[in-house]
Amino acid sequence: MKKFAFAVVLGASLCSFSFAADSWTGVISDAKCGAKHTDADTNEKSASCVKACVKGGSAAVLLTDGKVVAIDKASQKKVADHLGHKVTVTGKVEHDMLHIDSVKM
């Protein structure tokens, strides 16, 4: 019985690691301009461009660690108020798309 209980606890703990969300800090930009707006959090011209491109139909993306990370369609509304801002997001990457659980400035 002790071995069974140990196996259940071990299995549950391993599963909890696979479902844990990761965290990234970066700037919310747009897919059209991509990495051109790494300064959007401090440059009003860049921030305005990000907002205009997203309003024009371009998808929001996260610029982090020199990479442009695509944000999935379901998470686009979560970043709508943070266009051009430096944020920390939690979530997970699936099929090269970031699914966002939360966004903090």
PDB file of N, CA and C in Angstrom:
ATOM      1  N   MET A   1       0.817  -1.195   0.000  1.00  0.00           N
ATOM      2  CA  MET A   1       0.000   0.000   0.000  1.00  0.00           C
ATOM      3  C   MET A   1       0.867   1.267   0.000  1.00  0.00           C
ATOM      4  N   LYS A   2       1.992   1.236   0.730  1.00  0.00           N
ATOM      5  CA  LYS A   2       2.869   2.400   0.774  1.00  0.00           C
ATOM      6  C   LYS A   2       3.448   2.685  -0.607  1.00  0.00           C
ATOM      7  N   LYS A   3       3.792   1.636  -1.356  1.00  0.00           N
ATOM      8  CA  LYS A   3       4.347   1.836  -2.696  1.00  0.00           C
ATOM      9  C   LYS A   3       3.312   2.475  -3.618  1.00  0.00           C
ATOM     10  N   PHE A   4       2.057   2.055  -3.486  1.00  0.00           N
ATOM     11  CA  PHE A   4       1.000   2.623  -4.311  1.00  0.00           C
ATOM     12  C   PHE A   4       0.809   4.111  -3.990  1.00  0.00           C
ATOM     13  N   ALA A   5       0.769   4.445  -2.713  1.00  0.00           N
ATOM     14  CA  ALA A   5       0.604   5.840  -2.300  1.00  0.00           C
ATOM     15  C   ALA A   5       1.775   6.680  -2.790  1.00  0.00           C
ATOM     16  N   PHE A   6       2.986   6.154  -2.690  1.00  0.00           N
ATOM     17  CA  PHE A   6       4.171   6.867  -3.165  1.00  0.00           C
ATOM     18  C   PHE A   6       4.075   7.101  -4.671  1.00  0.00           C
ATOM     19  N   ALA A   7       3.640   6.096  -5.413  1.00  0.00           N
ATOM     20  CA  ALA A   7       3.507   6.215  -6.869  1.00  0.00           C
ATOM     21  C   ALA A   7       2.478   7.276  -7.243  1.00  0.00           C
ATOM     22  N   VAL A   8       1.369   7.333  -6.500  1.00  0.00           N
ATOM     23  CA  VAL A   8       0.340   8.330  -6.779  1.00  0.00           C
ATOM     24  C   VAL A   8       0.874   9.741  -6.516  1.00  0.00           C
ATOM     25  N   VAL A   9       1.550   9.934  -5.399  1.00  0.00           N
ATOM     26  CA  VAL A   9       2.102  11.247  -5.065  1.00  0.00           C
ATOM     27  C   VAL A   9       3.170  11.658  -6.078  1.00  0.00           C
ATOM     28  N   LEU A  10       4.035  10.735  -6.448  1.00  0.00           N
ATOM     29  CA  LEU A  10       5.082  11.021  -7.431  1.00  0.00           C
ATOM     30  C   LEU A  10       4.461  11.382  -8.776  1.00  0.00           C
ATOM     31  N   GLY A  11       3.485  10.625  -9.206  1.00  0.00           N
ATOM     32  CA  GLY A  11       2.822  10.903 -10.485  1.00  0.00           C
ATOM     33  C   GLY A  11       2.132  12.259 -10.484  1.00  0.00           C
ATOM     34  N   ALA A  12       1.462  12.591  -9.397  1.00  0.00           N
ATOM     35  CA  ALA A  12       0.776  13.882  -9.293  1.00  0.00           C
ATOM     36  C   ALA A  12       1.772  15.033  -9.316  1.00  0.00           C
ATOM     37  N   SER A  13       2.903  14.869  -8.642  1.00  0.00           N
ATOM     38  CA  SER A  13       3.891  15.950  -8.624  1.00  0.00           C
ATOM     39  C   SER A  13       4.537  16.133  -9.985  1.00  0.00           C
ATOM     40  N   LEU A  14       4.763  15.074 -10.715  1.00  0.00           N
ATOM     41  CA  LEU A  14       5.333  15.194 -12.055  1.00  0.00           C
ATOM     42  C   LEU A  14       4.356  15.873 -12.997  1.00  0.00           C
ATOM     43  N   CYS A  15       3.079  15.553 -12.875  1.00  0.00           N
ATOM     44  CA  CYS A  15       2.075  16.196 -13.719  1.00  0.00           C
ATOM     45  C   CYS A  15       1.970  17.681 -13.421  1.00  0.00           C
ATOM     46  N   SER A  16       2.111  18.059 -12.175  1.00  0.00           N
ATOM     47  CA  SER A  16       1.996  19.472 -11.835  1.00  0.00           C
ATOM     48  C   SER A  16       3.098  20.290 -12.483  1.00  0.00           C
ATOM     49  N   PHE A  17       4.276  19.730 -12.669  1.00  0.00           N
ATOM     50  CA  PHE A  17       5.357  20.451 -13.341  1.00  0.00           C
ATOM     51  C   PHE A  17       5.040  20.659 -14.809  1.00  0.00           C
ATOM     52  N   SER A  18       4.416  19.703 -15.456  1.00  0.00           N
ATOM     53  CA  SER A  18       4.152  19.838 -16.883  1.00  0.00           C
ATOM     54  C   SER A  18       3.056  20.861 -17.178  1.00  0.00           C
ATOM     55  N   PHE A  19       2.198  21.171 -16.199  1.00  0.00           N
ATOM     56  CA  PHE A  19       1.128  22.120 -16.411  1.00  0.00           C
ATOM     57  C   PHE A  19       1.451  23.511 -15.879  1.00  0.00           C
ATOM     58  N   ALA A  20       2.615  23.696 -15.296  1.00  0.00           N
ATOM     59  CA  ALA A  20       2.991  24.987 -14.723  1.00  0.00           C
ATOM     60  C   ALA A  20       3.194  26.012 -15.835  1.00  0.00           C
ATOM     61  N   ALA A  21       2.742  27.233 -15.595  1.00  0.00           N
ATOM     62  CA  ALA A  21       2.890  28.306 -16.565  1.00  0.00           C
ATOM     63  C   ALA A  21       4.269  28.938 -16.421  1.00  0.00           C
ATOM     64  N   ASP A  22       4.770  29.452 -17.535  1.00  0.00           N
ATOM     65  CA  ASP A  22       6.039  30.167 -17.540  1.00  0.00           C
ATOM     66  C   ASP A  22       5.757  31.665 -17.548  1.00  0.00           C
ATOM     67  N   SER A  23       6.809  32.452 -17.372  1.00  0.00           N
ATOM     68  CA  SER A  23       6.677  33.894 -17.309  1.00  0.00           C
ATOM     69  C   SER A  23       7.731  34.535 -18.212  1.00  0.00           C
ATOM     70  N   TRP A  24       7.322  35.605 -18.927  1.00  0.00           N
ATOM     71  CA  TRP A  24       8.225  36.346 -19.790  1.00  0.00           C
ATOM     72  C   TRP A  24       7.996  37.825 -19.590  1.00  0.00           C
ATOM     73  N   THR A  25       9.058  38.615 -19.692  1.00  0.00           N
ATOM     74  CA  THR A  25       8.959  40.067 -19.640  1.00  0.00           C
ATOM     75  C   THR A  25       9.400  40.610 -20.989  1.00  0.00           C
ATOM     76  N   GLY A  26       8.618  41.546 -21.512  1.00  0.00           N
ATOM     77  CA  GLY A  26       8.942  42.127 -22.804  1.00  0.00           C
ATOM     78  C   GLY A  26       7.974  43.238 -23.150  1.00  0.00           C
ATOM     79  N   VAL A  27       8.018  43.675 -24.398  1.00  0.00           N
ATOM     80  CA  VAL A  27       7.179  44.767 -24.891  1.00  0.00           C
ATOM     81  C   VAL A  27       6.146  44.182 -25.849  1.00  0.00           C
ATOM     82  N   ILE A  28       4.899  44.644 -25.713  1.00  0.00           N
ATOM     83  CA  ILE A  28       3.857  44.230 -26.647  1.00  0.00           C
ATOM     84  C   ILE A  28       3.988  45.096 -27.894  1.00  0.00           C
ATOM     85  N   SER A  29       4.231  44.457 -29.032  1.00  0.00           N
ATOM     86  CA  SER A  29       4.381  45.146 -30.308  1.00  0.00           C
ATOM     87  C   SER A  29       3.357  44.563 -31.275  1.00  0.00           C
ATOM     88  N   ASP A  30       3.592  44.759 -32.569  1.00  0.00           N
ATOM     89  CA  ASP A  30       2.681  44.227 -33.585  1.00  0.00           C
ATOM     90  C   ASP A  30       3.449  43.362 -34.572  1.00  0.00           C
ATOM     91  N   ALA A  31       2.759  42.434 -35.202  1.00  0.00           N
ATOM     92  CA  ALA A  31       3.395  41.486 -36.119  1.00  0.00           C
ATOM     93  C   ALA A  31       3.930  42.177 -37.382  1.00  0.00           C
ATOM     94  N   LYS A  32       3.306  43.260 -37.804  1.00  0.00           N
ATOM     95  CA  LYS A  32       3.743  43.957 -39.015  1.00  0.00           C
ATOM     96  C   LYS A  32       5.138  44.556 -38.836  1.00  0.00           C
ATOM     97  N   CYS A  33       5.344  45.249 -37.734  1.00  0.00           N
ATOM     98  CA  CYS A  33       6.628  45.909 -37.492  1.00  0.00           C
ATOM     99  C   CYS A  33       7.589  45.035 -36.687  1.00  0.00           C
ATOM    100  N   GLY A  34       7.054  44.103 -35.930  1.00  0.00           N
ATOM    101  CA  GLY A  34       7.879  43.167 -35.181  1.00  0.00           C
ATOM    102  C   GLY A  34       8.851  43.834 -34.233  1.00  0.00           C
ATOM    103  N   ALA A  35      10.122  43.492 -34.377  1.00  0.00           N
ATOM    104  CA  ALA A  35      11.163  43.932 -33.439  1.00  0.00           C
ATOM    105  C   ALA A  35      11.570  45.396 -33.604  1.00  0.00           C
ATOM    106  N   LYS A  36      10.980  46.113 -34.540  1.00  0.00           N
ATOM    107  CA  LYS A  36      11.316  47.521 -34.726  1.00  0.00           C
ATOM    108  C   LYS A  36      10.921  48.378 -33.525  1.00  0.00           C
ATOM    109  N   HIS A  37      10.010  47.871 -32.698  1.00  0.00           N
ATOM    110  CA  HIS A  37       9.485  48.686 -31.607  1.00  0.00           C
ATOM    111  C   HIS A  37       9.878  48.175 -30.230  1.00  0.00           C
ATOM    112  N   THR A  38      11.119  47.764 -30.078  1.00  0.00           N
ATOM    113  CA  THR A  38      11.575  47.333 -28.751  1.00  0.00           C
ATOM    114  C   THR A  38      11.564  48.495 -27.764  1.00  0.00           C
ATOM    115  N   ASP A  39      11.559  49.714 -28.284  1.00  0.00           N
ATOM    116  CA  ASP A  39      11.564  50.916 -27.438  1.00  0.00           C
ATOM    117  C   ASP A  39      10.169  51.498 -27.228  1.00  0.00           C
ATOM    118  N   ALA A  40       9.133  50.775 -27.586  1.00  0.00           N
ATOM    119  CA  ALA A  40       7.766  51.316 -27.532  1.00  0.00           C
ATOM    120  C   ALA A  40       7.344  51.734 -26.132  1.00  0.00           C
ATOM    121  N   ASP A  41       7.922  51.124 -25.109  1.00  0.00           N
ATOM    122  CA  ASP A  41       7.555  51.497 -23.740  1.00  0.00           C
ATOM    123  C   ASP A  41       8.129  52.856 -23.333  1.00  0.00           C
ATOM    124  N   THR A  42       9.121  53.358 -24.069  1.00  0.00           N
ATOM    125  CA  THR A  42       9.730  54.649 -23.741  1.00  0.00           C
ATOM    126  C   THR A  42       9.641  55.655 -24.894  1.00  0.00           C
ATOM    127  N   ASN A  43       9.191  55.222 -26.058  1.00  0.00           N
ATOM    128  CA  ASN A  43       9.139  56.079 -27.234  1.00  0.00           C
ATOM    129  C   ASN A  43       7.690  56.175 -27.718  1.00  0.00           C
ATOM    130  N   GLU A  44       7.079  57.352 -27.576  1.00  0.00           N
ATOM    131  CA  GLU A  44       5.666  57.536 -27.932  1.00  0.00           C
ATOM    132  C   GLU A  44       5.404  57.269 -29.409  1.00  0.00           C
ATOM    133  N   LYS A  45       6.356  57.602 -30.282  1.00  0.00           N
ATOM    134  CA  LYS A  45       6.178  57.362 -31.719  1.00  0.00           C
ATOM    135  C   LYS A  45       6.067  55.863 -31.995  1.00  0.00           C
ATOM    136  N   SER A  46       6.921  55.061 -31.368  1.00  0.00           N
ATOM    137  CA  SER A  46       6.859  53.606 -31.536  1.00  0.00           C
ATOM    138  C   SER A  46       5.561  53.049 -30.968  1.00  0.00           C
ATOM    139  N   ALA A  47       5.161  53.533 -29.796  1.00  0.00           N
ATOM    140  CA  ALA A  47       3.926  53.058 -29.175  1.00  0.00           C
ATOM    141  C   ALA A  47       2.720  53.385 -30.053  1.00  0.00           C
ATOM    142  N   SER A  48       2.702  54.570 -30.645  1.00  0.00           N
ATOM    143  CA  SER A  48       1.603  54.964 -31.535  1.00  0.00           C
ATOM    144  C   SER A  48       1.546  54.082 -32.766  1.00  0.00           C
ATOM    145  N   CYS A  49       2.703  53.725 -33.292  1.00  0.00           N
ATOM    146  CA  CYS A  49       2.766  52.849 -34.458  1.00  0.00           C
ATOM    147  C   CYS A  49       2.207  51.466 -34.119  1.00  0.00           C
ATOM    148  N   VAL A  50       2.576  50.934 -32.950  1.00  0.00           N
ATOM    149  CA  VAL A  50       2.069  49.629 -32.515  1.00  0.00           C
ATOM    150  C   VAL A  50       0.543  49.672 -32.454  1.00  0.00           C
ATOM    151  N   LYS A  51       0.001  50.705 -31.823  1.00  0.00           N
ATOM    152  CA  LYS A  51      -1.453  50.822 -31.681  1.00  0.00           C
ATOM    153  C   LYS A  51      -2.135  50.935 -33.042  1.00  0.00           C
ATOM    154  N   ALA A  52      -1.558  51.724 -33.948  1.00  0.00           N
ATOM    155  CA  ALA A  52      -2.145  51.902 -35.279  1.00  0.00           C
ATOM    156  C   ALA A  52      -2.108  50.601 -36.077  1.00  0.00           C
ATOM    157  N   CYS A  53      -1.013  49.881 -36.003  1.00  0.00           N
ATOM    158  CA  CYS A  53      -0.893  48.622 -36.754  1.00  0.00           C
ATOM    159  C   CYS A  53      -1.880  47.571 -36.239  1.00  0.00           C
ATOM    160  N   VAL A  54      -2.034  47.479 -34.916  1.00  0.00           N
ATOM    161  CA  VAL A  54      -2.979  46.512 -34.359  1.00  0.00           C
ATOM    162  C   VAL A  54      -4.406  46.921 -34.706  1.00  0.00           C
ATOM    163  N   LYS A  55      -4.700  48.214 -34.624  1.00  0.00           N
ATOM    164  CA  LYS A  55      -6.030  48.691 -35.002  1.00  0.00           C
ATOM    165  C   LYS A  55      -6.303  48.398 -36.476  1.00  0.00           C
ATOM    166  N   GLY A  56      -5.259  48.429 -37.297  1.00  0.00           N
ATOM    167  CA  GLY A  56      -5.380  48.146 -38.724  1.00  0.00           C
ATOM    168  C   GLY A  56      -5.445  46.666 -39.070  1.00  0.00           C
ATOM    169  N   GLY A  57      -5.370  45.804 -38.050  1.00  0.00           N
ATOM    170  CA  GLY A  57      -5.533  44.373 -38.313  1.00  0.00           C
ATOM    171  C   GLY A  57      -4.322  43.510 -38.038  1.00  0.00           C
ATOM    172  N   SER A  58      -3.201  44.100 -37.735  1.00  0.00           N
ATOM    173  CA  SER A  58      -2.010  43.314 -37.411  1.00  0.00           C
ATOM    174  C   SER A  58      -2.174  42.691 -36.023  1.00  0.00           C
ATOM    175  N   ALA A  59      -1.644  41.512 -35.839  1.00  0.00           N
ATOM    176  CA  ALA A  59      -1.732  40.828 -34.543  1.00  0.00           C
ATOM    177  C   ALA A  59      -0.698  41.388 -33.576  1.00  0.00           C
ATOM    178  N   ALA A  60      -1.048  41.395 -32.295  1.00  0.00           N
ATOM    179  CA  ALA A  60      -0.093  41.779 -31.258  1.00  0.00           C
ATOM    180  C   ALA A  60       0.900  40.637 -31.061  1.00  0.00           C
ATOM    181  N   VAL A  61       2.151  40.990 -30.738  1.00  0.00           N
ATOM    182  CA  VAL A  61       3.211  40.018 -30.466  1.00  0.00           C
ATOM    183  C   VAL A  61       3.963  40.476 -29.217  1.00  0.00           C
ATOM    184  N   LEU A  62       4.732  39.572 -28.639  1.00  0.00           N
ATOM    185  CA  LEU A  62       5.575  39.900 -27.493  1.00  0.00           C
ATOM    186  C   LEU A  62       7.021  39.929 -27.951  1.00  0.00           C
ATOM    187  N   LEU A  63       7.714  41.042 -27.671  1.00  0.00           N
ATOM    188  CA  LEU A  63       9.149  41.151 -27.954  1.00  0.00           C
ATOM    189  C   LEU A  63       9.878  40.838 -26.651  1.00  0.00           C
ATOM    190  N   THR A  64      10.617  39.736 -26.634  1.00  0.00           N
ATOM    191  CA  THR A  64      11.330  39.351 -25.423  1.00  0.00           C
ATOM    192  C   THR A  64      12.624  38.646 -25.786  1.00  0.00           C
ATOM    193  N   ASP A  65      13.683  38.964 -25.097  1.00  0.00           N
ATOM    194  CA  ASP A  65      14.992  38.338 -25.308  1.00  0.00           C
ATOM    195  C   ASP A  65      15.419  38.370 -26.772  1.00  0.00           C
ATOM    196  N   GLY A  66      15.120  39.468 -27.463  1.00  0.00           N
ATOM    197  CA  GLY A  66      15.509  39.610 -28.863  1.00  0.00           C
ATOM    198  C   GLY A  66      14.678  38.778 -29.828  1.00  0.00           C
ATOM    199  N   LYS A  67      13.576  38.227 -29.366  1.00  0.00           N
ATOM    200  CA  LYS A  67      12.715  37.389 -30.205  1.00  0.00           C
ATOM    201  C   LYS A  67      11.334  38.005 -30.323  1.00  0.00           C
ATOM    202  N   VAL A  68      10.678  37.719 -31.442  1.00  0.00           N
ATOM    203  CA  VAL A  68       9.289  38.100 -31.647  1.00  0.00           C
ATOM    204  C   VAL A  68       8.465  36.837 -31.420  1.00  0.00           C
ATOM    205  N   VAL A  69       7.616  36.872 -30.385  1.00  0.00           N
ATOM    206  CA  VAL A  69       6.811  35.703 -30.030  1.00  0.00           C
ATOM    207  C   VAL A  69       5.358  35.983 -30.397  1.00  0.00           C
ATOM    208  N   ALA A  70       4.796  35.139 -31.261  1.00  0.00           N
ATOM    209  CA  ALA A  70       3.402  35.290 -31.674  1.00  0.00           C
ATOM    210  C   ALA A  70       2.474  35.006 -30.494  1.00  0.00           C
ATOM    211  N   ILE A  71       1.406  35.781 -30.402  1.00  0.00           N
ATOM    212  CA  ILE A  71       0.399  35.604 -29.356  1.00  0.00           C
ATOM    213  C   ILE A  71      -0.845  35.008 -30.005  1.00  0.00           C
ATOM    214  N   ASP A  72      -1.370  33.941 -29.415  1.00  0.00           N
ATOM    215  CA  ASP A  72      -2.521  33.275 -30.020  1.00  0.00           C
ATOM    216  C   ASP A  72      -3.756  34.182 -30.056  1.00  0.00           C
ATOM    217  N   LYS A  73      -4.673  33.824 -30.934  1.00  0.00           N
ATOM    218  CA  LYS A  73      -5.862  34.644 -31.167  1.00  0.00           C
ATOM    219  C   LYS A  73      -6.685  34.838 -29.898  1.00  0.00           C
ATOM    220  N   ALA A  74      -6.792  33.808 -29.083  1.00  0.00           N
ATOM    221  CA  ALA A  74      -7.586  33.893 -27.851  1.00  0.00           C
ATOM    222  C   ALA A  74      -6.981  34.873 -26.838  1.00  0.00           C
ATOM    223  N   SER A  75      -5.688  35.129 -26.923  1.00  0.00           N
ATOM    224  CA  SER A  75      -5.015  36.012 -25.954  1.00  0.00           C
ATOM    225  C   SER A  75      -4.879  37.453 -26.428  1.00  0.00           C
ATOM    226  N   GLN A  76      -5.280  37.750 -27.658  1.00  0.00           N
ATOM    227  CA  GLN A  76      -5.130  39.098 -28.201  1.00  0.00           C
ATOM    228  C   GLN A  76      -5.870  40.141 -27.356  1.00  0.00           C
ATOM    229  N   LYS A  77      -7.062  39.826 -26.875  1.00  0.00           N
ATOM    230  CA  LYS A  77      -7.827  40.784 -26.064  1.00  0.00           C
ATOM    231  C   LYS A  77      -7.147  41.061 -24.725  1.00  0.00           C
ATOM    232  N   LYS A  78      -6.396  40.082 -24.215  1.00  0.00           N
ATOM    233  CA  LYS A  78      -5.728  40.250 -22.917  1.00  0.00           C
ATOM    234  C   LYS A  78      -4.621  41.291 -22.982  1.00  0.00           C
ATOM    235  N   VAL A  79      -4.048  41.507 -24.170  1.00  0.00           N
ATOM    236  CA  VAL A  79      -2.956  42.477 -24.302  1.00  0.00           C
ATOM    237  C   VAL A  79      -3.409  43.786 -24.946  1.00  0.00           C
ATOM    238  N   ALA A  80      -4.689  43.897 -25.300  1.00  0.00           N
ATOM    239  CA  ALA A  80      -5.192  45.080 -26.019  1.00  0.00           C
ATOM    240  C   ALA A  80      -4.931  46.378 -25.264  1.00  0.00           C
ATOM    241  N   ASP A  81      -4.999  46.361 -23.951  1.00  0.00           N
ATOM    242  CA  ASP A  81      -4.754  47.579 -23.162  1.00  0.00           C
ATOM    243  C   ASP A  81      -3.273  47.817 -22.876  1.00  0.00           C
ATOM    244  N   HIS A  82      -2.412  46.948 -23.390  1.00  0.00           N
ATOM    245  CA  HIS A  82      -0.978  47.030 -23.082  1.00  0.00           C
ATOM    246  C   HIS A  82      -0.111  47.231 -24.329  1.00  0.00           C
ATOM    247  N   LEU A  83      -0.710  47.623 -25.440  1.00  0.00           N
ATOM    248  CA  LEU A  83       0.046  47.816 -26.680  1.00  0.00           C
ATOM    249  C   LEU A  83       1.119  48.881 -26.473  1.00  0.00           C
ATOM    250  N   GLY A  84       2.355  48.526 -26.795  1.00  0.00           N
ATOM    251  CA  GLY A  84       3.471  49.448 -26.634  1.00  0.00           C
ATOM    252  C   GLY A  84       4.026  49.518 -25.227  1.00  0.00           C
ATOM    253  N   HIS A  85       3.509  48.710 -24.318  1.00  0.00           N
ATOM    254  CA  HIS A  85       3.974  48.736 -22.928  1.00  0.00           C
ATOM    255  C   HIS A  85       4.893  47.562 -22.625  1.00  0.00           C
ATOM    256  N   LYS A  86       5.753  47.763 -21.646  1.00  0.00           N
ATOM    257  CA  LYS A  86       6.574  46.681 -21.118  1.00  0.00           C
ATOM    258  C   LYS A  86       5.720  45.933 -20.100  1.00  0.00           C
ATOM    259  N   VAL A  87       5.614  44.610 -20.270  1.00  0.00           N
ATOM    260  CA  VAL A  87       4.746  43.802 -19.426  1.00  0.00           C
ATOM    261  C   VAL A  87       5.444  42.503 -19.032  1.00  0.00           C
ATOM    262  N   THR A  88       4.874  41.851 -18.049  1.00  0.00           N
ATOM    263  CA  THR A  88       5.251  40.484 -17.709  1.00  0.00           C
ATOM    264  C   THR A  88       4.012  39.637 -17.924  1.00  0.00           C
ATOM    265  N   VAL A  89       4.148  38.614 -18.751  1.00  0.00           N
ATOM    266  CA  VAL A  89       3.022  37.726 -19.031  1.00  0.00           C
ATOM    267  C   VAL A  89       3.328  36.339 -18.487  1.00  0.00           C
ATOM    268  N   THR A  90       2.280  35.659 -18.074  1.00  0.00           N
ATOM    269  CA  THR A  90       2.406  34.253 -17.709  1.00  0.00           C
ATOM    270  C   THR A  90       1.538  33.467 -18.667  1.00  0.00           C
ATOM    271  N   GLY A  91       1.986  32.271 -18.976  1.00  0.00           N
ATOM    272  CA  GLY A  91       1.248  31.425 -19.904  1.00  0.00           C
ATOM    273  C   GLY A  91       2.125  30.294 -20.376  1.00  0.00           C
ATOM    274  N   LYS A  92       1.803  29.804 -21.563  1.00  0.00           N
ATOM    275  CA  LYS A  92       2.589  28.709 -22.122  1.00  0.00           C
ATOM    276  C   LYS A  92       2.648  28.843 -23.641  1.00  0.00           C
ATOM    277  N   VAL A  93       3.705  28.294 -24.204  1.00  0.00           N
ATOM    278  CA  VAL A  93       3.876  28.295 -25.645  1.00  0.00           C
ATOM    279  C   VAL A  93       3.475  26.924 -26.173  1.00  0.00           C
ATOM    280  N   GLU A  94       2.534  26.936 -27.108  1.00  0.00           N
ATOM    281  CA  GLU A  94       2.090  25.705 -27.754  1.00  0.00           C
ATOM    282  C   GLU A  94       2.084  25.947 -29.257  1.00  0.00           C
ATOM    283  N   HIS A  95       2.746  25.096 -30.005  1.00  0.00           N
ATOM    284  CA  HIS A  95       2.807  25.204 -31.467  1.00  0.00           C
ATOM    285  C   HIS A  95       3.297  26.579 -31.900  1.00  0.00           C
ATOM    286  N   ASP A  96       4.354  27.066 -31.254  1.00  0.00           N
ATOM    287  CA  ASP A  96       4.980  28.349 -31.563  1.00  0.00           C
ATOM    288  C   ASP A  96       4.069  29.556 -31.350  1.00  0.00           C
ATOM    289  N   MET A  97       3.037  29.397 -30.545  1.00  0.00           N
ATOM    290  CA  MET A  97       2.132  30.494 -30.213  1.00  0.00           C
ATOM    291  C   MET A  97       2.055  30.621 -28.696  1.00  0.00           C
ATOM    292  N   LEU A  98       2.081  31.859 -28.206  1.00  0.00           N
ATOM    293  CA  LEU A  98       1.994  32.113 -26.777  1.00  0.00           C
ATOM    294  C   LEU A  98       0.531  32.217 -26.361  1.00  0.00           C
ATOM    295  N   HIS A  99       0.114  31.373 -25.437  1.00  0.00           N
ATOM    296  CA  HIS A  99      -1.218  31.453 -24.832  1.00  0.00           C
ATOM    297  C   HIS A  99      -1.028  32.140 -23.490  1.00  0.00           C
ATOM    298  N   ILE A 100      -1.644  33.295 -23.301  1.00  0.00           N
ATOM    299  CA  ILE A 100      -1.428  34.113 -22.120  1.00  0.00           C
ATOM    300  C   ILE A 100      -2.514  33.855 -21.087  1.00  0.00           C
ATOM    301  N   ASP A 101      -2.061  33.581 -19.862  1.00  0.00           N
ATOM    302  CA  ASP A 101      -2.979  33.438 -18.728  1.00  0.00           C
ATOM    303  C   ASP A 101      -3.191  34.791 -18.051  1.00  0.00           C
ATOM    304  N   SER A 102      -2.102  35.579 -17.872  1.00  0.00           N
ATOM    305  CA  SER A 102      -2.229  36.878 -17.227  1.00  0.00           C
ATOM    306  C   SER A 102      -1.177  37.841 -17.760  1.00  0.00           C
ATOM    307  N   VAL A 103      -1.490  39.140 -17.633  1.00  0.00           N
ATOM    308  CA  VAL A 103      -0.609  40.212 -18.085  1.00  0.00           C
ATOM    309  C   VAL A 103      -0.494  41.226 -16.953  1.00  0.00           C
ATOM    310  N   LYS A 104       0.743  41.621 -16.627  1.00  0.00           N
ATOM    311  CA  LYS A 104       0.970  42.646 -15.607  1.00  0.00           C
ATOM    312  C   LYS A 104       1.965  43.673 -16.140  1.00  0.00           C
ATOM    313  N   MET A 105       1.692  44.932 -15.851  1.00  0.00           N
ATOM    314  CA  MET A 105       2.621  45.995 -16.249  1.00  0.00           C
ATOM    315  C   MET A 105       3.769  46.045 -15.273  1.00  0.00           C
TER     316      MET A 105
END
